[in-house]
Amino acid sequence: MVTIKCSEYEKGDMIRILNYARNKKIEDSKKDNKIAKQILNIDLKTIDILIDRVNGKYREDYYNRNAKSGREKEWCIH
């Protein structure tokens, strides 16, 4: 694990940018319909995990994303 030190202002900026990215992903998926729902769900889950990490919350990723079984589990999120 890597530790990143930042000020409260920088932390707030990171969360604001991640929330913007989350909203933009949702907006783009509604506008273009080019992003598959499964891909959108994976991207939104990743952004949520990053926001949690910035807030100091950490949970172990119990499956290997690089393994085929891990990718299959991700595709069945929602």
C-alpha atoms as a PDB file:
ATOM      1  CA  MET A   1       0.000   0.000   0.000  1.00  0.00           C
ATOM      2  CA  VAL A   2       1.120   3.542  -0.760  1.00  0.00           C
ATOM      3  CA  THR A   3       0.589   6.478   1.576  1.00  0.00           C
ATOM      4  CA  ILE A   4      -0.160   9.847   0.015  1.00  0.00           C
ATOM      5  CA  LYS A   5       0.056  12.917   2.217  1.00  0.00           C
ATOM      6  CA  CYS A   6      -2.036  15.937   1.318  1.00  0.00           C
ATOM      7  CA  SER A   7      -3.727  18.900   2.944  1.00  0.00           C
ATOM      8  CA  GLU A   8      -7.439  18.988   3.726  1.00  0.00           C
ATOM      9  CA  TYR A   9      -7.850  21.376   0.786  1.00  0.00           C
ATOM     10  CA  GLU A  10      -6.155  18.920  -1.576  1.00  0.00           C
ATOM     11  CA  LYS A  11      -8.280  16.084  -0.182  1.00  0.00           C
ATOM     12  CA  GLY A  12     -11.406  18.135  -0.844  1.00  0.00           C
ATOM     13  CA  ASP A  13     -10.198  18.888  -4.377  1.00  0.00           C
ATOM     14  CA  MET A  14      -9.595  15.199  -5.069  1.00  0.00           C
ATOM     15  CA  ILE A  15     -13.074  14.271  -3.851  1.00  0.00           C
ATOM     16  CA  ARG A  16     -14.627  17.099  -5.889  1.00  0.00           C
ATOM     17  CA  ILE A  17     -12.801  15.947  -9.040  1.00  0.00           C
ATOM     18  CA  LEU A  18     -13.763  12.305  -8.466  1.00  0.00           C
ATOM     19  CA  ASN A  19     -17.412  13.283  -7.976  1.00  0.00           C
ATOM     20  CA  TYR A  20     -17.233  15.330 -11.184  1.00  0.00           C
ATOM     21  CA  ALA A  21     -15.800  12.308 -13.019  1.00  0.00           C
ATOM     22  CA  ARG A  22     -18.576  10.118 -11.602  1.00  0.00           C
ATOM     23  CA  ASN A  23     -21.297  12.540 -12.724  1.00  0.00           C
ATOM     24  CA  LYS A  24     -19.662  12.982 -16.144  1.00  0.00           C
ATOM     25  CA  LYS A  25     -19.542   9.202 -16.677  1.00  0.00           C
ATOM     26  CA  ILE A  26     -23.259   8.948 -15.886  1.00  0.00           C
ATOM     27  CA  GLU A  27     -24.077  11.941 -18.093  1.00  0.00           C
ATOM     28  CA  ASP A  28     -22.030  10.576 -21.005  1.00  0.00           C
ATOM     29  CA  SER A  29     -23.655   7.153 -20.732  1.00  0.00           C
ATOM     30  CA  LYS A  30     -27.127   8.713 -20.946  1.00  0.00           C
ATOM     31  CA  LYS A  31     -26.191  11.010 -23.812  1.00  0.00           C
ATOM     32  CA  ASP A  32     -24.339   8.645 -26.126  1.00  0.00           C
ATOM     33  CA  ASN A  33     -25.336   5.154 -25.024  1.00  0.00           C
ATOM     34  CA  LYS A  34     -21.814   4.207 -26.108  1.00  0.00           C
ATOM     35  CA  ILE A  35     -20.795   3.019 -22.646  1.00  0.00           C
ATOM     36  CA  ALA A  36     -22.165  -0.412 -21.824  1.00  0.00           C
ATOM     37  CA  LYS A  37     -23.988  -0.624 -18.484  1.00  0.00           C
ATOM     38  CA  GLN A  38     -21.492  -3.183 -17.184  1.00  0.00           C
ATOM     39  CA  ILE A  39     -18.535  -0.927 -18.021  1.00  0.00           C
ATOM     40  CA  LEU A  40     -20.306   2.053 -16.454  1.00  0.00           C
ATOM     41  CA  ASN A  41     -20.947   0.067 -13.256  1.00  0.00           C
ATOM     42  CA  ILE A  42     -17.283  -0.963 -13.063  1.00  0.00           C
ATOM     43  CA  ASP A  43     -16.143   2.644 -13.572  1.00  0.00           C
ATOM     44  CA  LEU A  44     -18.583   3.952 -10.948  1.00  0.00           C
ATOM     45  CA  LYS A  45     -17.502   1.277  -8.464  1.00  0.00           C
ATOM     46  CA  THR A  46     -13.856   2.198  -9.055  1.00  0.00           C
ATOM     47  CA  ILE A  47     -14.579   5.895  -8.473  1.00  0.00           C
ATOM     48  CA  ASP A  48     -16.476   5.061  -5.279  1.00  0.00           C
ATOM     49  CA  ILE A  49     -13.524   3.001  -4.038  1.00  0.00           C
ATOM     50  CA  LEU A  50     -11.145   5.888  -4.800  1.00  0.00           C
ATOM     51  CA  ILE A  51     -13.371   8.330  -2.908  1.00  0.00           C
ATOM     52  CA  ASP A  52     -13.406   5.948   0.063  1.00  0.00           C
ATOM     53  CA  ARG A  53      -9.619   5.684  -0.075  1.00  0.00           C
ATOM     54  CA  VAL A  54      -9.226   9.474  -0.114  1.00  0.00           C
ATOM     55  CA  ASN A  55     -11.497   9.542   2.949  1.00  0.00           C
ATOM     56  CA  GLY A  56      -9.200   7.046   4.685  1.00  0.00           C
ATOM     57  CA  LYS A  57     -11.407   3.972   4.308  1.00  0.00           C
ATOM     58  CA  TYR A  58      -9.664   0.853   3.072  1.00  0.00           C
ATOM     59  CA  ARG A  59     -11.049  -2.570   2.417  1.00  0.00           C
ATOM     60  CA  GLU A  60      -9.153  -5.495   1.013  1.00  0.00           C
ATOM     61  CA  ASP A  61      -9.868  -6.426  -2.582  1.00  0.00           C
ATOM     62  CA  TYR A  62     -10.603 -10.122  -2.066  1.00  0.00           C
ATOM     63  CA  TYR A  63     -10.248 -11.196  -5.646  1.00  0.00           C
ATOM     64  CA  ASN A  64      -7.611 -10.639  -8.227  1.00  0.00           C
ATOM     65  CA  ARG A  65      -8.820  -8.254 -10.928  1.00  0.00           C
ATOM     66  CA  ASN A  66      -6.237  -9.625 -13.343  1.00  0.00           C
ATOM     67  CA  ALA A  67      -7.477 -13.186 -12.993  1.00  0.00           C
ATOM     68  CA  LYS A  68     -10.269 -14.324 -15.289  1.00  0.00           C
ATOM     69  CA  SER A  69     -12.464 -15.245 -12.321  1.00  0.00           C
ATOM     70  CA  GLY A  70     -11.986 -11.745 -10.873  1.00  0.00           C
ATOM     71  CA  ARG A  71     -12.985 -10.070 -14.121  1.00  0.00           C
ATOM     72  CA  GLU A  72     -16.052 -12.292 -14.368  1.00  0.00           C
ATOM     73  CA  LYS A  73     -17.110 -11.310 -10.834  1.00  0.00           C
ATOM     74  CA  GLU A  74     -16.723  -7.622 -11.718  1.00  0.00           C
ATOM     75  CA  TRP A  75     -18.936  -7.975 -14.774  1.00  0.00           C
ATOM     76  CA  CYS A  76     -21.729  -9.319 -12.577  1.00  0.00           C
ATOM     77  CA  ILE A  77     -21.773  -6.419 -10.090  1.00  0.00           C
ATOM     78  CA  HIS A  78     -25.261  -5.048 -10.817  1.00  0.00           C
END
